Amino acid sequence: MKVLLDSCIAGSVAAALAAAGHDVERVANWPGDPGDEVILAKAHQAGQVVITLDKDFGELAVVRGHPHAGLVRLVGFRAGEQAAAAVAVLMKYEGELAAASIVTADPDRTRVRPSTQ
């Protein structure tokens, strides 16, 4: 799966996802952070699932109707837990994310909002 990691995601997540076979790009490696709208648009154009801690991406997708190729929001995971959580979410919800769903995961539960696109 093609993945774009928001700048707020721990750097260790990229290595863990790459080791699991995913094609990973990090916003932190870009010359500057262009803002959530541009990140979401670039990810959509590239067919990348955005992984973030930021709830603003969900607002852009749901409230404002911005197109996307899937979103994962990790909530309440410490930096050292993010890699395992991201790998597990992509493995378990690959089909839903391929259909541009929004997956919100916290240590106790995971919610999936199917795509309305």
N, C-alpha and C. Protein backbone atom coordinates (compact mmCIF):
# COMPACT_ATOMS: atom_id res chain seq x y z
N MET A 1 0.84 -1.16 0.00
CA MET A 1 0.00 0.00 0.00
C MET A 1 0.90 1.24 0.00
N LYS A 2 0.46 2.27 -0.70
CA LYS A 2 1.18 3.54 -0.74
C LYS A 2 0.71 4.41 0.43
N VAL A 3 1.69 4.92 1.17
CA VAL A 3 1.39 5.63 2.41
C VAL A 3 2.15 6.95 2.45
N LEU A 4 1.47 7.98 2.95
CA LEU A 4 2.11 9.26 3.22
C LEU A 4 1.98 9.54 4.71
N LEU A 5 3.11 9.67 5.39
CA LEU A 5 3.11 9.94 6.83
C LEU A 5 3.15 11.44 7.06
N ASP A 6 2.18 11.93 7.81
CA ASP A 6 2.16 13.33 8.19
C ASP A 6 3.39 13.63 9.05
N SER A 7 3.76 14.89 9.14
CA SER A 7 4.98 15.27 9.86
C SER A 7 4.89 14.99 11.36
N CYS A 8 3.70 14.81 11.90
CA CYS A 8 3.54 14.54 13.33
C CYS A 8 3.77 13.08 13.71
N ILE A 9 3.92 12.21 12.73
CA ILE A 9 4.11 10.77 12.98
C ILE A 9 5.58 10.49 13.25
N ALA A 10 5.85 9.64 14.22
CA ALA A 10 7.23 9.29 14.60
C ALA A 10 7.98 8.70 13.41
N GLY A 11 9.25 9.03 13.31
CA GLY A 11 10.09 8.55 12.21
C GLY A 11 10.20 7.05 12.15
N SER A 12 10.09 6.36 13.27
CA SER A 12 10.20 4.90 13.30
C SER A 12 9.07 4.21 12.53
N VAL A 13 7.97 4.91 12.33
CA VAL A 13 6.82 4.33 11.62
C VAL A 13 7.19 4.04 10.17
N ALA A 14 7.96 4.91 9.55
CA ALA A 14 8.34 4.73 8.15
C ALA A 14 9.11 3.42 7.96
N ALA A 15 10.07 3.17 8.80
CA ALA A 15 10.87 1.95 8.69
C ALA A 15 10.02 0.71 8.92
N ALA A 16 9.13 0.75 9.89
CA ALA A 16 8.27 -0.40 10.18
C ALA A 16 7.33 -0.70 9.02
N LEU A 17 6.75 0.35 8.44
CA LEU A 17 5.84 0.14 7.32
C LEU A 17 6.59 -0.35 6.08
N ALA A 18 7.78 0.20 5.84
CA ALA A 18 8.58 -0.25 4.70
C ALA A 18 8.97 -1.72 4.88
N ALA A 19 9.32 -2.11 6.10
CA ALA A 19 9.67 -3.50 6.37
C ALA A 19 8.48 -4.43 6.16
N ALA A 20 7.27 -3.90 6.33
CA ALA A 20 6.05 -4.69 6.11
C ALA A 20 5.63 -4.68 4.64
N GLY A 21 6.42 -4.03 3.78
CA GLY A 21 6.15 -4.06 2.34
C GLY A 21 5.41 -2.87 1.78
N HIS A 22 5.22 -1.83 2.57
CA HIS A 22 4.49 -0.66 2.10
C HIS A 22 5.45 0.35 1.46
N ASP A 23 4.92 1.13 0.53
CA ASP A 23 5.64 2.21 -0.14
C ASP A 23 5.38 3.47 0.68
N VAL A 24 6.42 3.96 1.37
CA VAL A 24 6.23 5.01 2.36
C VAL A 24 6.94 6.30 1.97
N GLU A 25 6.21 7.41 2.12
CA GLU A 25 6.78 8.74 1.95
C GLU A 25 6.46 9.52 3.22
N ARG A 26 7.39 10.42 3.60
CA ARG A 26 7.21 11.21 4.83
C ARG A 26 7.16 12.70 4.49
N VAL A 27 6.14 13.39 4.99
CA VAL A 27 6.06 14.84 4.83
C VAL A 27 7.27 15.49 5.50
N ALA A 28 7.79 14.89 6.56
CA ALA A 28 8.95 15.44 7.26
C ALA A 28 10.18 15.52 6.36
N ASN A 29 10.20 14.77 5.27
CA ASN A 29 11.33 14.82 4.33
C ASN A 29 11.13 15.87 3.23
N TRP A 30 9.98 16.51 3.19
CA TRP A 30 9.72 17.56 2.21
C TRP A 30 10.45 18.83 2.64
N PRO A 31 10.70 19.74 1.72
CA PRO A 31 11.39 20.98 2.08
C PRO A 31 10.66 21.81 3.14
N GLY A 32 9.36 21.72 3.18
CA GLY A 32 8.55 22.44 4.17
C GLY A 32 7.19 21.79 4.25
N ASP A 33 6.47 22.08 5.31
CA ASP A 33 5.11 21.55 5.48
C ASP A 33 4.15 22.49 4.78
N PRO A 34 3.51 22.05 3.68
CA PRO A 34 2.65 22.94 2.90
C PRO A 34 1.24 23.11 3.48
N GLY A 35 0.92 22.42 4.56
CA GLY A 35 -0.41 22.51 5.14
C GLY A 35 -1.25 21.30 4.80
N ASP A 36 -2.26 21.06 5.61
CA ASP A 36 -3.07 19.86 5.49
C ASP A 36 -3.79 19.72 4.16
N GLU A 37 -4.33 20.81 3.62
CA GLU A 37 -5.07 20.71 2.36
C GLU A 37 -4.15 20.26 1.22
N VAL A 38 -2.96 20.80 1.16
CA VAL A 38 -2.01 20.42 0.11
C VAL A 38 -1.54 18.98 0.32
N ILE A 39 -1.27 18.61 1.56
CA ILE A 39 -0.85 17.23 1.86
C ILE A 39 -1.92 16.25 1.41
N LEU A 40 -3.17 16.53 1.76
CA LEU A 40 -4.27 15.64 1.39
C LEU A 40 -4.42 15.55 -0.12
N ALA A 41 -4.31 16.67 -0.80
CA ALA A 41 -4.44 16.67 -2.27
C ALA A 41 -3.30 15.90 -2.93
N LYS A 42 -2.07 16.10 -2.47
CA LYS A 42 -0.93 15.39 -3.04
C LYS A 42 -1.05 13.89 -2.80
N ALA A 43 -1.49 13.51 -1.60
CA ALA A 43 -1.67 12.09 -1.30
C ALA A 43 -2.76 11.48 -2.18
N HIS A 44 -3.84 12.22 -2.38
CA HIS A 44 -4.92 11.72 -3.24
C HIS A 44 -4.42 11.50 -4.66
N GLN A 45 -3.70 12.49 -5.19
CA GLN A 45 -3.16 12.37 -6.56
C GLN A 45 -2.22 11.18 -6.69
N ALA A 46 -1.46 10.89 -5.64
CA ALA A 46 -0.48 9.80 -5.68
C ALA A 46 -1.08 8.47 -5.24
N GLY A 47 -2.35 8.46 -4.83
CA GLY A 47 -2.98 7.22 -4.36
C GLY A 47 -2.43 6.74 -3.03
N GLN A 48 -2.07 7.69 -2.16
CA GLN A 48 -1.48 7.36 -0.87
C GLN A 48 -2.49 7.52 0.26
N VAL A 49 -2.45 6.58 1.19
CA VAL A 49 -3.20 6.69 2.43
C VAL A 49 -2.41 7.60 3.36
N VAL A 50 -3.07 8.60 3.94
CA VAL A 50 -2.41 9.50 4.88
C VAL A 50 -2.54 8.91 6.28
N ILE A 51 -1.40 8.84 6.99
CA ILE A 51 -1.40 8.45 8.39
C ILE A 51 -1.01 9.68 9.20
N THR A 52 -1.83 10.01 10.19
CA THR A 52 -1.65 11.24 10.95
C THR A 52 -2.11 11.07 12.39
N LEU A 53 -1.82 12.06 13.20
CA LEU A 53 -2.38 12.18 14.54
C LEU A 53 -3.45 13.27 14.55
N ASP A 54 -3.52 14.01 13.48
CA ASP A 54 -4.27 15.25 13.35
C ASP A 54 -5.72 15.00 12.90
N LYS A 55 -6.68 15.49 13.67
CA LYS A 55 -8.09 15.30 13.30
C LYS A 55 -8.52 16.22 12.16
N ASP A 56 -7.71 17.21 11.81
CA ASP A 56 -8.08 18.14 10.75
C ASP A 56 -8.24 17.45 9.39
N PHE A 57 -7.52 16.38 9.14
CA PHE A 57 -7.67 15.67 7.86
C PHE A 57 -9.06 15.08 7.73
N GLY A 58 -9.59 14.55 8.80
CA GLY A 58 -10.95 14.02 8.78
C GLY A 58 -11.96 15.11 8.49
N GLU A 59 -11.75 16.28 9.07
CA GLU A 59 -12.65 17.41 8.80
C GLU A 59 -12.59 17.81 7.33
N LEU A 60 -11.37 17.86 6.79
CA LEU A 60 -11.24 18.21 5.37
C LEU A 60 -11.99 17.20 4.50
N ALA A 61 -11.87 15.93 4.83
CA ALA A 61 -12.50 14.88 4.02
C ALA A 61 -14.01 14.82 4.23
N VAL A 62 -14.45 14.85 5.47
CA VAL A 62 -15.87 14.63 5.77
C VAL A 62 -16.68 15.92 5.65
N VAL A 63 -16.25 16.97 6.31
CA VAL A 63 -17.04 18.20 6.35
C VAL A 63 -16.90 19.00 5.05
N ARG A 64 -15.67 19.10 4.56
CA ARG A 64 -15.43 19.92 3.37
C ARG A 64 -15.44 19.12 2.07
N GLY A 65 -15.50 17.80 2.17
CA GLY A 65 -15.62 16.98 0.97
C GLY A 65 -14.37 16.84 0.12
N HIS A 66 -13.20 17.09 0.69
CA HIS A 66 -11.97 16.94 -0.07
C HIS A 66 -11.74 15.46 -0.40
N PRO A 67 -11.40 15.15 -1.64
CA PRO A 67 -11.15 13.75 -2.00
C PRO A 67 -9.86 13.25 -1.33
N HIS A 68 -9.83 11.95 -1.08
CA HIS A 68 -8.65 11.34 -0.46
C HIS A 68 -8.59 9.87 -0.86
N ALA A 69 -7.43 9.27 -0.62
CA ALA A 69 -7.23 7.86 -0.95
C ALA A 69 -7.19 7.00 0.31
N GLY A 70 -7.81 7.48 1.38
CA GLY A 70 -7.83 6.77 2.65
C GLY A 70 -7.07 7.56 3.70
N LEU A 71 -7.59 7.50 4.93
CA LEU A 71 -6.96 8.19 6.05
C LEU A 71 -6.89 7.27 7.25
N VAL A 72 -5.77 7.35 7.97
CA VAL A 72 -5.63 6.66 9.24
C VAL A 72 -5.25 7.71 10.27
N ARG A 73 -6.03 7.79 11.33
CA ARG A 73 -5.70 8.69 12.44
C ARG A 73 -5.38 7.84 13.65
N LEU A 74 -4.18 8.01 14.18
CA LEU A 74 -3.76 7.31 15.39
C LEU A 74 -3.98 8.25 16.57
N VAL A 75 -4.73 7.78 17.55
CA VAL A 75 -5.10 8.60 18.69
C VAL A 75 -4.62 7.93 19.98
N GLY A 76 -3.86 8.65 20.77
CA GLY A 76 -3.48 8.13 22.08
C GLY A 76 -2.33 7.13 22.09
N PHE A 77 -1.64 6.99 20.98
CA PHE A 77 -0.48 6.11 20.94
C PHE A 77 0.77 6.93 21.21
N ARG A 78 1.63 6.46 22.07
CA ARG A 78 2.92 7.13 22.29
C ARG A 78 3.78 6.92 21.05
N ALA A 79 4.80 7.74 20.89
CA ALA A 79 5.66 7.65 19.71
C ALA A 79 6.19 6.23 19.51
N GLY A 80 6.57 5.57 20.58
CA GLY A 80 7.10 4.21 20.48
C GLY A 80 6.06 3.16 20.13
N GLU A 81 4.80 3.50 20.21
CA GLU A 81 3.72 2.56 19.89
C GLU A 81 3.14 2.78 18.50
N GLN A 82 3.46 3.89 17.89
CA GLN A 82 2.85 4.25 16.62
C GLN A 82 3.19 3.27 15.50
N ALA A 83 4.41 2.78 15.45
CA ALA A 83 4.81 1.88 14.36
C ALA A 83 3.98 0.60 14.37
N ALA A 84 3.89 -0.05 15.52
CA ALA A 84 3.11 -1.29 15.61
C ALA A 84 1.64 -1.03 15.31
N ALA A 85 1.12 0.10 15.79
CA ALA A 85 -0.28 0.43 15.54
C ALA A 85 -0.53 0.65 14.06
N ALA A 86 0.35 1.39 13.40
CA ALA A 86 0.18 1.67 11.96
C ALA A 86 0.25 0.39 11.14
N VAL A 87 1.21 -0.46 11.43
CA VAL A 87 1.33 -1.74 10.70
C VAL A 87 0.06 -2.57 10.89
N ALA A 88 -0.42 -2.65 12.12
CA ALA A 88 -1.61 -3.45 12.41
C ALA A 88 -2.85 -2.90 11.70
N VAL A 89 -3.02 -1.58 11.71
CA VAL A 89 -4.18 -0.97 11.05
C VAL A 89 -4.14 -1.22 9.55
N LEU A 90 -2.98 -1.02 8.93
CA LEU A 90 -2.90 -1.24 7.48
C LEU A 90 -3.16 -2.69 7.12
N MET A 91 -2.69 -3.61 7.95
CA MET A 91 -2.91 -5.03 7.67
C MET A 91 -4.39 -5.39 7.81
N LYS A 92 -5.00 -4.97 8.90
CA LYS A 92 -6.37 -5.37 9.19
C LYS A 92 -7.40 -4.65 8.31
N TYR A 93 -7.13 -3.39 7.96
CA TYR A 93 -8.12 -2.58 7.25
C TYR A 93 -7.67 -2.22 5.83
N GLU A 94 -6.84 -3.05 5.24
CA GLU A 94 -6.33 -2.78 3.89
C GLU A 94 -7.45 -2.58 2.89
N GLY A 95 -8.44 -3.44 2.91
CA GLY A 95 -9.55 -3.33 1.96
C GLY A 95 -10.35 -2.06 2.14
N GLU A 96 -10.63 -1.71 3.38
CA GLU A 96 -11.38 -0.50 3.66
C GLU A 96 -10.60 0.74 3.23
N LEU A 97 -9.29 0.75 3.51
CA LEU A 97 -8.46 1.89 3.12
C LEU A 97 -8.32 1.99 1.61
N ALA A 98 -8.25 0.86 0.93
CA ALA A 98 -8.19 0.86 -0.53
C ALA A 98 -9.46 1.47 -1.13
N ALA A 99 -10.55 1.42 -0.37
CA ALA A 99 -11.82 2.01 -0.80
C ALA A 99 -12.00 3.41 -0.23
N ALA A 100 -10.90 4.04 0.22
CA ALA A 100 -10.89 5.42 0.71
C ALA A 100 -11.70 5.63 1.98
N SER A 101 -11.66 4.66 2.89
CA SER A 101 -12.31 4.83 4.19
C SER A 101 -11.41 5.64 5.11
N ILE A 102 -11.99 6.08 6.21
CA ILE A 102 -11.25 6.76 7.26
C ILE A 102 -11.23 5.84 8.47
N VAL A 103 -10.03 5.50 8.93
CA VAL A 103 -9.86 4.60 10.06
C VAL A 103 -9.26 5.40 11.21
N THR A 104 -9.96 5.39 12.34
CA THR A 104 -9.47 6.05 13.55
C THR A 104 -9.17 4.97 14.57
N ALA A 105 -7.90 4.89 14.98
CA ALA A 105 -7.48 3.84 15.90
C ALA A 105 -6.95 4.45 17.18
N ASP A 106 -7.41 3.90 18.30
CA ASP A 106 -6.80 4.24 19.58
C ASP A 106 -6.48 2.92 20.27
N PRO A 107 -5.78 2.94 21.38
CA PRO A 107 -5.36 1.67 21.99
C PRO A 107 -6.51 0.73 22.36
N ASP A 108 -7.71 1.25 22.55
CA ASP A 108 -8.83 0.42 22.99
C ASP A 108 -9.81 0.01 21.90
N ARG A 109 -9.83 0.75 20.79
CA ARG A 109 -10.81 0.43 19.74
C ARG A 109 -10.40 1.07 18.42
N THR A 110 -11.07 0.62 17.37
CA THR A 110 -10.84 1.17 16.03
C THR A 110 -12.20 1.43 15.40
N ARG A 111 -12.33 2.59 14.78
CA ARG A 111 -13.57 2.94 14.10
C ARG A 111 -13.27 3.13 12.62
N VAL A 112 -14.19 2.67 11.78
CA VAL A 112 -14.03 2.80 10.34
C VAL A 112 -15.21 3.57 9.80
N ARG A 113 -14.91 4.64 9.08
CA ARG A 113 -15.95 5.41 8.40
C ARG A 113 -15.80 5.12 6.91
N PRO A 114 -16.75 4.40 6.34
CA PRO A 114 -16.66 4.07 4.91
C PRO A 114 -16.63 5.33 4.04
N SER A 115 -16.06 5.20 2.90
CA SER A 115 -15.96 6.31 1.97
C SER A 115 -17.33 6.75 1.50
N THR A 116 -17.49 8.06 1.33
CA THR A 116 -18.70 8.61 0.74
C THR A 116 -18.40 9.21 -0.62
N GLN A 117 -17.18 8.96 -1.10
CA GLN A 117 -16.75 9.53 -2.38
C GLN A 117 -17.37 8.77 -3.53
